[in-house]
N, C-alpha and C. Protein backbone atom coordinates (compact mmCIF):
# COMPACT_ATOMS: atom_id res chain seq x y z
N MET A 1 0.86 -1.18 0.00
CA MET A 1 0.00 0.00 0.00
C MET A 1 0.90 1.24 0.00
N SER A 2 0.56 2.19 -0.81
CA SER A 2 1.39 3.38 -0.92
C SER A 2 1.28 4.22 0.35
N ARG A 3 2.29 5.04 0.56
CA ARG A 3 2.29 5.92 1.75
C ARG A 3 1.09 6.86 1.73
N LEU A 4 0.73 7.35 0.55
CA LEU A 4 -0.39 8.28 0.43
C LEU A 4 -1.70 7.60 0.82
N ARG A 5 -1.91 6.36 0.35
CA ARG A 5 -3.13 5.63 0.72
C ARG A 5 -3.14 5.31 2.21
N LEU A 6 -2.00 4.94 2.75
CA LEU A 6 -1.91 4.64 4.18
C LEU A 6 -2.21 5.89 5.01
N LEU A 7 -1.69 7.02 4.58
CA LEU A 7 -1.97 8.29 5.26
C LEU A 7 -3.46 8.63 5.17
N ALA A 8 -4.04 8.47 3.98
CA ALA A 8 -5.48 8.76 3.80
C ALA A 8 -6.32 7.84 4.67
N LEU A 9 -5.98 6.55 4.73
CA LEU A 9 -6.71 5.60 5.57
C LEU A 9 -6.58 5.97 7.04
N SER A 10 -5.40 6.38 7.46
CA SER A 10 -5.18 6.80 8.85
C SER A 10 -6.02 8.03 9.19
N LEU A 11 -6.06 8.99 8.27
CA LEU A 11 -6.86 10.20 8.50
C LEU A 11 -8.35 9.88 8.58
N ILE A 12 -8.82 9.01 7.71
CA ILE A 12 -10.24 8.63 7.73
C ILE A 12 -10.57 7.92 9.04
N THR A 13 -9.72 7.02 9.47
CA THR A 13 -9.94 6.29 10.73
C THR A 13 -9.93 7.25 11.91
N ALA A 14 -8.97 8.16 11.95
CA ALA A 14 -8.89 9.13 13.05
C ALA A 14 -10.13 10.03 13.07
N THR A 15 -10.56 10.48 11.90
CA THR A 15 -11.75 11.33 11.82
C THR A 15 -12.99 10.58 12.28
N THR A 16 -13.13 9.33 11.86
CA THR A 16 -14.28 8.52 12.27
C THR A 16 -14.28 8.33 13.78
N LEU A 17 -13.13 8.02 14.36
CA LEU A 17 -13.05 7.85 15.81
C LEU A 17 -13.36 9.15 16.53
N ALA A 18 -12.88 10.27 16.02
CA ALA A 18 -13.14 11.57 16.66
C ALA A 18 -14.62 11.91 16.60
N LEU A 19 -15.24 11.67 15.46
CA LEU A 19 -16.67 11.98 15.34
C LEU A 19 -17.52 11.06 16.19
N THR A 20 -17.14 9.80 16.28
CA THR A 20 -17.87 8.86 17.13
C THR A 20 -17.75 9.28 18.58
N GLY A 21 -16.58 9.75 19.00
CA GLY A 21 -16.37 10.20 20.37
C GLY A 21 -17.15 11.45 20.70
N CYS A 22 -17.54 12.24 19.70
CA CYS A 22 -18.27 13.48 19.93
C CYS A 22 -19.73 13.24 20.31
N ALA A 23 -20.22 12.03 20.07
CA ALA A 23 -21.62 11.74 20.38
C ALA A 23 -21.89 12.00 21.85
N GLY A 24 -20.97 11.63 22.72
CA GLY A 24 -21.05 11.95 24.13
C GLY A 24 -22.23 11.34 24.86
N VAL A 25 -22.45 11.85 26.04
CA VAL A 25 -23.49 11.39 26.93
C VAL A 25 -24.73 12.25 26.71
N SER A 26 -25.90 11.65 26.82
CA SER A 26 -27.14 12.41 26.72
C SER A 26 -27.86 12.36 28.07
N PRO A 27 -28.71 13.34 28.35
CA PRO A 27 -29.46 13.34 29.61
C PRO A 27 -30.25 12.04 29.83
N GLU A 28 -30.76 11.47 28.74
CA GLU A 28 -31.55 10.25 28.84
C GLU A 28 -30.74 9.09 29.44
N ASP A 29 -29.41 9.16 29.33
CA ASP A 29 -28.55 8.11 29.90
C ASP A 29 -28.68 8.03 31.41
N TYR A 30 -29.23 9.07 32.05
CA TYR A 30 -29.35 9.10 33.51
C TYR A 30 -30.76 8.77 33.99
N ALA A 31 -31.65 8.44 33.08
CA ALA A 31 -33.02 8.06 33.47
C ALA A 31 -32.92 6.91 34.47
N GLY A 32 -33.66 7.01 35.55
CA GLY A 32 -33.65 5.97 36.57
C GLY A 32 -32.62 6.16 37.67
N GLN A 33 -31.67 7.09 37.46
CA GLN A 33 -30.68 7.37 38.50
C GLN A 33 -31.35 8.15 39.64
N THR A 34 -30.96 7.86 40.84
CA THR A 34 -31.53 8.56 42.00
C THR A 34 -30.43 9.22 42.80
N PRO A 35 -30.79 10.23 43.60
CA PRO A 35 -32.12 10.80 43.77
C PRO A 35 -32.51 11.60 42.52
N GLU A 36 -33.82 11.69 42.28
CA GLU A 36 -34.31 12.41 41.11
C GLU A 36 -34.12 13.92 41.31
N PHE A 37 -33.56 14.57 40.29
CA PHE A 37 -33.30 16.01 40.35
C PHE A 37 -34.38 16.77 39.60
N ARG A 38 -35.10 17.60 40.34
CA ARG A 38 -36.08 18.51 39.74
C ARG A 38 -35.68 19.92 40.18
N ILE A 39 -35.42 20.78 39.21
CA ILE A 39 -35.00 22.15 39.50
C ILE A 39 -35.99 22.82 40.44
N GLU A 40 -37.27 22.65 40.16
CA GLU A 40 -38.31 23.34 40.93
C GLU A 40 -38.37 22.88 42.38
N ASP A 41 -37.91 21.68 42.67
CA ASP A 41 -37.86 21.21 44.06
C ASP A 41 -36.56 21.65 44.74
N TYR A 42 -35.44 21.43 44.05
CA TYR A 42 -34.14 21.71 44.66
C TYR A 42 -33.96 23.20 44.95
N PHE A 43 -34.34 24.06 44.02
CA PHE A 43 -34.08 25.49 44.16
C PHE A 43 -35.24 26.27 44.76
N ASP A 44 -36.17 25.61 45.42
CA ASP A 44 -37.27 26.30 46.09
C ASP A 44 -36.81 26.67 47.49
N GLY A 45 -36.22 27.85 47.63
CA GLY A 45 -35.66 28.29 48.90
C GLY A 45 -34.24 28.79 48.70
N ASP A 46 -33.46 28.81 49.78
CA ASP A 46 -32.10 29.33 49.74
C ASP A 46 -31.09 28.22 49.50
N VAL A 47 -30.14 28.51 48.61
CA VAL A 47 -29.08 27.57 48.26
C VAL A 47 -27.77 28.34 48.25
N LYS A 48 -26.70 27.70 48.68
CA LYS A 48 -25.36 28.29 48.67
C LYS A 48 -24.50 27.46 47.72
N ALA A 49 -23.63 28.12 46.96
CA ALA A 49 -22.74 27.41 46.04
C ALA A 49 -21.32 27.94 46.18
N TRP A 50 -20.36 27.04 45.92
CA TRP A 50 -18.94 27.36 45.92
C TRP A 50 -18.40 26.89 44.59
N GLY A 51 -17.62 27.76 43.92
CA GLY A 51 -17.16 27.37 42.60
C GLY A 51 -15.84 27.96 42.20
N MET A 52 -15.40 27.53 41.00
CA MET A 52 -14.16 28.04 40.42
C MET A 52 -14.21 27.92 38.91
N PHE A 53 -13.45 28.79 38.25
CA PHE A 53 -13.25 28.70 36.81
C PHE A 53 -11.80 28.31 36.58
N GLN A 54 -11.61 27.26 35.76
CA GLN A 54 -10.26 26.82 35.41
C GLN A 54 -10.06 27.03 33.92
N SER A 55 -8.88 27.52 33.55
CA SER A 55 -8.53 27.68 32.13
C SER A 55 -8.41 26.30 31.50
N ARG A 56 -8.27 26.27 30.19
CA ARG A 56 -8.16 24.96 29.52
C ARG A 56 -6.92 24.19 29.95
N SER A 57 -5.93 24.88 30.50
CA SER A 57 -4.73 24.19 31.00
C SER A 57 -4.95 23.62 32.40
N GLY A 58 -6.07 24.00 33.03
CA GLY A 58 -6.37 23.51 34.38
C GLY A 58 -6.07 24.50 35.49
N GLU A 59 -5.46 25.64 35.15
CA GLU A 59 -5.14 26.64 36.17
C GLU A 59 -6.41 27.31 36.69
N VAL A 60 -6.53 27.40 38.01
CA VAL A 60 -7.67 28.08 38.62
C VAL A 60 -7.50 29.58 38.41
N LYS A 61 -8.45 30.17 37.69
CA LYS A 61 -8.38 31.60 37.37
C LYS A 61 -9.25 32.45 38.30
N ARG A 62 -10.40 31.87 38.74
CA ARG A 62 -11.30 32.61 39.63
C ARG A 62 -11.99 31.64 40.57
N ARG A 63 -12.15 32.07 41.82
CA ARG A 63 -12.94 31.34 42.80
C ARG A 63 -14.08 32.24 43.25
N PHE A 64 -15.20 31.63 43.61
CA PHE A 64 -16.36 32.43 43.98
C PHE A 64 -17.34 31.64 44.82
N THR A 65 -18.23 32.39 45.47
CA THR A 65 -19.37 31.79 46.15
C THR A 65 -20.63 32.42 45.55
N VAL A 66 -21.74 31.72 45.69
CA VAL A 66 -23.01 32.23 45.16
C VAL A 66 -24.09 31.99 46.21
N ASP A 67 -24.82 33.04 46.53
CA ASP A 67 -26.01 32.92 47.36
C ASP A 67 -27.20 32.99 46.42
N ILE A 68 -28.04 31.95 46.47
CA ILE A 68 -29.15 31.83 45.53
C ILE A 68 -30.46 31.82 46.30
N GLU A 69 -31.37 32.70 45.88
CA GLU A 69 -32.71 32.70 46.44
C GLU A 69 -33.65 32.21 45.34
N GLY A 70 -34.26 31.06 45.56
CA GLY A 70 -35.14 30.49 44.56
C GLY A 70 -36.59 30.59 44.95
N THR A 71 -37.43 30.96 43.99
CA THR A 71 -38.86 30.98 44.22
C THR A 71 -39.53 30.23 43.07
N VAL A 72 -40.57 29.50 43.42
CA VAL A 72 -41.29 28.69 42.43
C VAL A 72 -42.76 29.07 42.47
N GLU A 73 -43.30 29.35 41.30
CA GLU A 73 -44.72 29.64 41.15
C GLU A 73 -45.22 28.85 39.95
N GLY A 74 -45.91 27.74 40.23
CA GLY A 74 -46.37 26.87 39.15
C GLY A 74 -45.19 26.29 38.41
N ASP A 75 -45.13 26.49 37.09
CA ASP A 75 -44.03 25.97 36.26
C ASP A 75 -42.91 26.98 36.07
N ARG A 76 -42.96 28.10 36.81
CA ARG A 76 -41.93 29.13 36.69
C ARG A 76 -41.03 29.13 37.91
N ILE A 77 -39.73 29.18 37.65
CA ILE A 77 -38.72 29.16 38.70
C ILE A 77 -37.87 30.42 38.52
N THR A 78 -37.69 31.19 39.58
CA THR A 78 -36.81 32.36 39.55
C THR A 78 -35.63 32.08 40.46
N LEU A 79 -34.43 32.22 39.93
CA LEU A 79 -33.21 32.06 40.72
C LEU A 79 -32.48 33.40 40.74
N ASP A 80 -32.41 34.01 41.92
CA ASP A 80 -31.70 35.26 42.11
C ASP A 80 -30.33 34.89 42.65
N GLU A 81 -29.31 34.93 41.78
CA GLU A 81 -27.95 34.50 42.13
C GLU A 81 -27.08 35.73 42.42
N ARG A 82 -26.43 35.72 43.58
CA ARG A 82 -25.51 36.81 43.96
C ARG A 82 -24.11 36.22 44.16
N PHE A 83 -23.22 36.62 43.25
CA PHE A 83 -21.85 36.11 43.22
C PHE A 83 -20.92 37.00 44.03
N THR A 84 -20.00 36.39 44.76
CA THR A 84 -18.91 37.09 45.42
C THR A 84 -17.63 36.37 45.03
N TYR A 85 -16.73 37.09 44.34
CA TYR A 85 -15.48 36.51 43.87
C TYR A 85 -14.39 36.68 44.92
N ALA A 86 -13.36 35.85 44.86
CA ALA A 86 -12.27 35.88 45.83
C ALA A 86 -11.57 37.24 45.87
N ASP A 87 -11.59 37.97 44.74
CA ASP A 87 -10.94 39.29 44.70
C ASP A 87 -11.85 40.41 45.21
N GLY A 88 -13.07 40.05 45.68
CA GLY A 88 -13.99 41.04 46.23
C GLY A 88 -15.04 41.54 45.24
N GLU A 89 -14.87 41.27 43.97
CA GLU A 89 -15.86 41.68 42.97
C GLU A 89 -17.18 40.94 43.22
N THR A 90 -18.27 41.61 42.92
CA THR A 90 -19.59 40.99 43.07
C THR A 90 -20.34 41.07 41.75
N ASP A 91 -21.32 40.21 41.59
CA ASP A 91 -22.14 40.19 40.38
C ASP A 91 -23.49 39.57 40.72
N ARG A 92 -24.43 39.75 39.84
CA ARG A 92 -25.77 39.20 40.07
C ARG A 92 -26.35 38.71 38.75
N ARG A 93 -27.01 37.57 38.80
CA ARG A 93 -27.73 37.04 37.64
C ARG A 93 -29.08 36.56 38.15
N VAL A 94 -30.13 36.92 37.44
CA VAL A 94 -31.47 36.46 37.78
C VAL A 94 -31.98 35.60 36.63
N TRP A 95 -32.14 34.32 36.92
CA TRP A 95 -32.68 33.37 35.95
C TRP A 95 -34.20 33.32 36.06
N GLU A 96 -34.87 33.31 34.92
CA GLU A 96 -36.31 33.02 34.84
C GLU A 96 -36.41 31.73 34.04
N ILE A 97 -36.81 30.67 34.71
CA ILE A 97 -36.83 29.34 34.11
C ILE A 97 -38.27 28.85 34.06
N GLU A 98 -38.61 28.19 32.96
CA GLU A 98 -39.95 27.61 32.83
C GLU A 98 -39.83 26.12 32.53
N ARG A 99 -40.61 25.33 33.27
CA ARG A 99 -40.69 23.90 32.97
C ARG A 99 -41.65 23.74 31.81
N ILE A 100 -41.17 23.21 30.71
CA ILE A 100 -41.97 23.04 29.50
C ILE A 100 -42.76 21.73 29.56
N ASP A 101 -42.10 20.67 29.99
CA ASP A 101 -42.75 19.37 30.18
C ASP A 101 -41.96 18.60 31.22
N GLU A 102 -42.24 17.34 31.36
CA GLU A 102 -41.61 16.50 32.40
C GLU A 102 -40.08 16.57 32.37
N HIS A 103 -39.49 16.73 31.19
CA HIS A 103 -38.02 16.66 31.07
C HIS A 103 -37.37 17.92 30.52
N THR A 104 -38.14 18.90 30.07
CA THR A 104 -37.59 20.04 29.34
C THR A 104 -37.80 21.35 30.09
N TYR A 105 -36.73 22.16 30.11
CA TYR A 105 -36.77 23.49 30.73
C TYR A 105 -36.20 24.51 29.75
N GLU A 106 -36.68 25.74 29.86
CA GLU A 106 -36.11 26.85 29.12
C GLU A 106 -35.89 27.99 30.09
N GLY A 107 -34.83 28.77 29.86
CA GLY A 107 -34.54 29.86 30.78
C GLY A 107 -33.91 31.05 30.10
N THR A 108 -34.07 32.19 30.76
CA THR A 108 -33.44 33.43 30.30
C THR A 108 -32.82 34.14 31.50
N ALA A 109 -31.84 34.97 31.21
CA ALA A 109 -31.21 35.84 32.21
C ALA A 109 -30.64 37.02 31.45
N GLY A 110 -30.35 38.10 32.15
CA GLY A 110 -29.87 39.33 31.51
C GLY A 110 -28.64 39.16 30.65
N ASP A 111 -27.73 38.28 31.04
CA ASP A 111 -26.49 38.10 30.28
C ASP A 111 -26.48 36.82 29.45
N VAL A 112 -27.65 36.17 29.32
CA VAL A 112 -27.76 34.98 28.48
C VAL A 112 -28.30 35.43 27.12
N VAL A 113 -27.61 35.02 26.07
CA VAL A 113 -28.00 35.37 24.71
C VAL A 113 -29.04 34.35 24.25
N GLY A 114 -30.23 34.82 23.95
CA GLY A 114 -31.30 33.90 23.52
C GLY A 114 -31.88 33.15 24.71
N VAL A 115 -32.20 31.89 24.48
CA VAL A 115 -32.86 31.05 25.48
C VAL A 115 -31.98 29.86 25.82
N ALA A 116 -31.81 29.61 27.12
CA ALA A 116 -31.11 28.41 27.58
C ALA A 116 -32.06 27.24 27.48
N GLU A 117 -31.53 26.09 27.11
CA GLU A 117 -32.35 24.89 26.99
C GLU A 117 -31.78 23.80 27.88
N GLY A 118 -32.69 23.15 28.62
CA GLY A 118 -32.26 22.09 29.53
C GLY A 118 -33.10 20.84 29.40
N LYS A 119 -32.45 19.70 29.58
CA LYS A 119 -33.12 18.39 29.61
C LYS A 119 -32.74 17.71 30.91
N ARG A 120 -33.77 17.15 31.59
CA ARG A 120 -33.57 16.51 32.89
C ARG A 120 -34.08 15.07 32.84
N TYR A 121 -33.23 14.16 33.30
CA TYR A 121 -33.61 12.76 33.47
C TYR A 121 -32.90 12.25 34.71
N GLY A 122 -33.62 11.49 35.55
CA GLY A 122 -33.01 10.92 36.74
C GLY A 122 -32.40 11.99 37.62
N ASN A 123 -31.12 11.80 37.97
CA ASN A 123 -30.45 12.74 38.87
C ASN A 123 -29.67 13.83 38.12
N ALA A 124 -29.85 13.94 36.80
CA ALA A 124 -29.01 14.84 36.00
C ALA A 124 -29.82 15.81 35.16
N LEU A 125 -29.21 16.98 34.95
CA LEU A 125 -29.75 18.00 34.05
C LEU A 125 -28.61 18.48 33.16
N ASN A 126 -28.86 18.55 31.86
CA ASN A 126 -27.92 19.16 30.93
C ASN A 126 -28.53 20.48 30.47
N TRP A 127 -27.80 21.57 30.71
CA TRP A 127 -28.26 22.93 30.47
C TRP A 127 -27.31 23.54 29.47
N GLN A 128 -27.80 24.04 28.32
CA GLN A 128 -26.94 24.62 27.30
C GLN A 128 -27.39 26.03 26.97
N TYR A 129 -26.42 26.94 26.90
CA TYR A 129 -26.76 28.34 26.64
C TYR A 129 -25.51 29.11 26.22
N THR A 130 -25.74 30.32 25.71
CA THR A 130 -24.68 31.24 25.35
C THR A 130 -24.71 32.39 26.35
N LEU A 131 -23.56 32.69 26.92
CA LEU A 131 -23.44 33.74 27.93
C LEU A 131 -22.62 34.89 27.36
N ALA A 132 -23.10 36.12 27.50
CA ALA A 132 -22.34 37.31 27.12
C ALA A 132 -21.43 37.65 28.29
N LEU A 133 -20.15 37.34 28.16
CA LEU A 133 -19.18 37.45 29.23
C LEU A 133 -18.31 38.69 29.03
N GLU A 134 -18.29 39.56 30.05
CA GLU A 134 -17.46 40.76 29.99
C GLU A 134 -16.00 40.36 30.25
N VAL A 135 -15.13 40.66 29.29
CA VAL A 135 -13.70 40.39 29.42
C VAL A 135 -12.98 41.69 29.12
N GLY A 136 -12.55 42.37 30.18
CA GLY A 136 -11.95 43.70 30.01
C GLY A 136 -12.99 44.65 29.47
N ASP A 137 -12.68 45.32 28.34
CA ASP A 137 -13.64 46.25 27.75
C ASP A 137 -14.40 45.62 26.58
N ARG A 138 -14.33 44.29 26.49
CA ARG A 138 -15.02 43.57 25.41
C ARG A 138 -16.04 42.59 25.97
N THR A 139 -16.96 42.17 25.12
CA THR A 139 -17.93 41.14 25.49
C THR A 139 -17.74 39.95 24.57
N TRP A 140 -17.54 38.79 25.19
CA TRP A 140 -17.40 37.54 24.44
C TRP A 140 -18.66 36.73 24.62
N ASN A 141 -19.19 36.19 23.55
CA ASN A 141 -20.29 35.24 23.65
C ASN A 141 -19.67 33.85 23.72
N VAL A 142 -19.81 33.22 24.89
CA VAL A 142 -19.24 31.90 25.11
C VAL A 142 -20.38 30.90 25.35
N GLN A 143 -20.15 29.68 24.92
CA GLN A 143 -21.15 28.64 25.06
C GLN A 143 -20.88 27.82 26.32
N PHE A 144 -21.95 27.52 27.05
CA PHE A 144 -21.87 26.69 28.24
C PHE A 144 -22.58 25.37 27.97
N ASP A 145 -21.88 24.28 28.23
CA ASP A 145 -22.48 22.94 28.23
C ASP A 145 -22.41 22.50 29.68
N ASP A 146 -23.50 22.72 30.38
CA ASP A 146 -23.61 22.65 31.83
C ASP A 146 -24.25 21.33 32.24
N TRP A 147 -23.62 20.59 33.13
CA TRP A 147 -24.19 19.34 33.66
C TRP A 147 -24.32 19.46 35.17
N MET A 148 -25.52 19.16 35.67
CA MET A 148 -25.79 19.17 37.11
C MET A 148 -26.19 17.76 37.52
N TYR A 149 -25.63 17.31 38.66
CA TYR A 149 -25.91 15.97 39.17
C TYR A 149 -26.29 16.08 40.64
N LEU A 150 -27.48 15.60 40.99
CA LEU A 150 -27.91 15.60 42.38
C LEU A 150 -27.27 14.41 43.07
N SER A 151 -26.43 14.70 44.07
CA SER A 151 -25.70 13.66 44.80
C SER A 151 -26.53 13.09 45.94
N ASP A 152 -27.13 13.97 46.74
CA ASP A 152 -28.10 13.59 47.76
C ASP A 152 -29.14 14.69 47.80
N GLU A 153 -30.14 14.61 48.64
CA GLU A 153 -31.24 15.57 48.56
C GLU A 153 -30.82 17.03 48.75
N ASP A 154 -29.65 17.28 49.34
CA ASP A 154 -29.20 18.65 49.59
C ASP A 154 -27.96 19.07 48.81
N THR A 155 -27.29 18.13 48.14
CA THR A 155 -26.01 18.42 47.49
C THR A 155 -26.10 18.22 45.97
N LEU A 156 -25.72 19.27 45.23
CA LEU A 156 -25.75 19.26 43.78
C LEU A 156 -24.34 19.57 43.28
N ILE A 157 -23.87 18.77 42.32
CA ILE A 157 -22.55 18.96 41.73
C ILE A 157 -22.75 19.43 40.30
N ASN A 158 -22.01 20.46 39.90
CA ASN A 158 -22.17 21.07 38.59
C ASN A 158 -20.82 21.23 37.92
N THR A 159 -20.73 20.80 36.68
CA THR A 159 -19.54 21.06 35.89
C THR A 159 -19.99 21.57 34.53
N ALA A 160 -19.31 22.59 34.04
CA ALA A 160 -19.69 23.19 32.76
C ALA A 160 -18.45 23.40 31.90
N GLU A 161 -18.54 22.93 30.67
CA GLU A 161 -17.49 23.20 29.71
C GLU A 161 -17.83 24.51 29.02
N VAL A 162 -16.87 25.42 28.99
CA VAL A 162 -17.05 26.73 28.39
C VAL A 162 -16.25 26.75 27.09
N SER A 163 -16.91 27.14 25.99
CA SER A 163 -16.21 27.15 24.70
C SER A 163 -16.55 28.41 23.92
N LYS A 164 -15.68 28.71 22.97
CA LYS A 164 -15.88 29.84 22.05
C LYS A 164 -15.43 29.36 20.68
N PHE A 165 -16.28 29.56 19.68
CA PHE A 165 -16.00 29.09 18.32
C PHE A 165 -15.72 27.58 18.29
N GLY A 166 -16.33 26.84 19.20
CA GLY A 166 -16.15 25.38 19.24
C GLY A 166 -14.91 24.91 19.97
N PHE A 167 -14.10 25.82 20.48
CA PHE A 167 -12.88 25.46 21.20
C PHE A 167 -13.08 25.67 22.70
N ARG A 168 -12.67 24.70 23.49
CA ARG A 168 -12.82 24.79 24.94
C ARG A 168 -11.95 25.90 25.49
N VAL A 169 -12.58 26.80 26.25
CA VAL A 169 -11.89 27.91 26.89
C VAL A 169 -11.52 27.52 28.32
N GLY A 170 -12.40 26.77 28.96
CA GLY A 170 -12.15 26.37 30.34
C GLY A 170 -13.33 25.60 30.89
N THR A 171 -13.29 25.42 32.21
CA THR A 171 -14.31 24.64 32.91
C THR A 171 -14.74 25.37 34.18
N VAL A 172 -16.05 25.37 34.43
CA VAL A 172 -16.58 25.89 35.69
C VAL A 172 -17.03 24.68 36.51
N THR A 173 -16.64 24.66 37.78
CA THR A 173 -17.07 23.61 38.70
C THR A 173 -17.74 24.28 39.88
N LEU A 174 -18.93 23.76 40.25
CA LEU A 174 -19.69 24.31 41.37
C LEU A 174 -20.22 23.18 42.24
N PHE A 175 -20.30 23.45 43.54
CA PHE A 175 -20.95 22.56 44.49
C PHE A 175 -22.04 23.36 45.18
N PHE A 176 -23.26 22.88 45.12
CA PHE A 176 -24.41 23.55 45.72
C PHE A 176 -24.84 22.81 46.97
N ARG A 177 -25.30 23.56 47.96
CA ARG A 177 -25.83 22.97 49.19
C ARG A 177 -27.06 23.75 49.60
N ARG A 178 -28.17 23.03 49.80
CA ARG A 178 -29.40 23.69 50.23
C ARG A 178 -29.32 24.04 51.70
N ASP A 179 -29.97 25.15 52.05
CA ASP A 179 -30.06 25.59 53.44
C ASP A 179 -31.34 25.02 54.01
N ASP A 180 -31.24 23.96 54.83
CA ASP A 180 -32.41 23.28 55.37
C ASP A 180 -33.33 24.23 56.15
N ALA A 181 -32.77 25.22 56.82
CA ALA A 181 -33.59 26.12 57.64
C ALA A 181 -34.52 26.98 56.80
N ASN A 182 -34.15 27.19 55.52
CA ASN A 182 -34.94 28.08 54.66
C ASN A 182 -35.64 27.36 53.52
N ARG A 183 -35.68 26.03 53.58
CA ARG A 183 -36.30 25.26 52.51
C ARG A 183 -37.81 25.41 52.55
N ASN A 184 -38.40 25.61 51.37
CA ASN A 184 -39.84 25.76 51.23
C ASN A 184 -40.47 24.39 50.94
N ASP A 185 -40.43 23.49 51.93
CA ASP A 185 -40.95 22.15 51.71
C ASP A 185 -42.31 21.92 52.32
N GLY A 186 -42.95 23.00 52.79
CA GLY A 186 -44.28 22.88 53.37
C GLY A 186 -44.28 22.50 54.84
N ASN A 187 -43.08 22.29 55.42
CA ASN A 187 -43.01 21.90 56.82
C ASN A 187 -42.72 23.05 57.76
N GLY A 188 -42.51 24.22 57.22
CA GLY A 188 -42.10 25.30 58.11
C GLY A 188 -42.84 26.48 57.88
């Protein structure tokens, strides 16, 4: 076999393997996993989160905490998120989320471009959206592929791949913990 044909065959094989690997995991893969994660149940009340942003090399670039006040009215969920960064900077994002059906959610926020779309099955939610991120005096539209996993009834683990033009920019990791004293579960 000629070197050119061998090279072409190698490229085709590598491309096929790369494309097959891109299929990835879908929310449906978590159907039946427990505990069941429902945004409207978990975020009904006060939640605290601790997180960090890591560059694509893995270096921690920012650490932060988030105080979240969640309110639920029917199929509408409002999350008032107040960020405090390690350098003292603060920020706020207010999500308006609507449950469309048993597994589908849509949401908007002031710095989200268009509509965020989410699918929930079992203990997992995949949330995808474009965020207008202020970087110095510029605004970058970056894509978030956000995965949330309910570990126990009070603990939620979140990891999000952040990309621009299809290239990974970094990763956001968050750990959420519900405040039992302020939970709106009908018992208090």
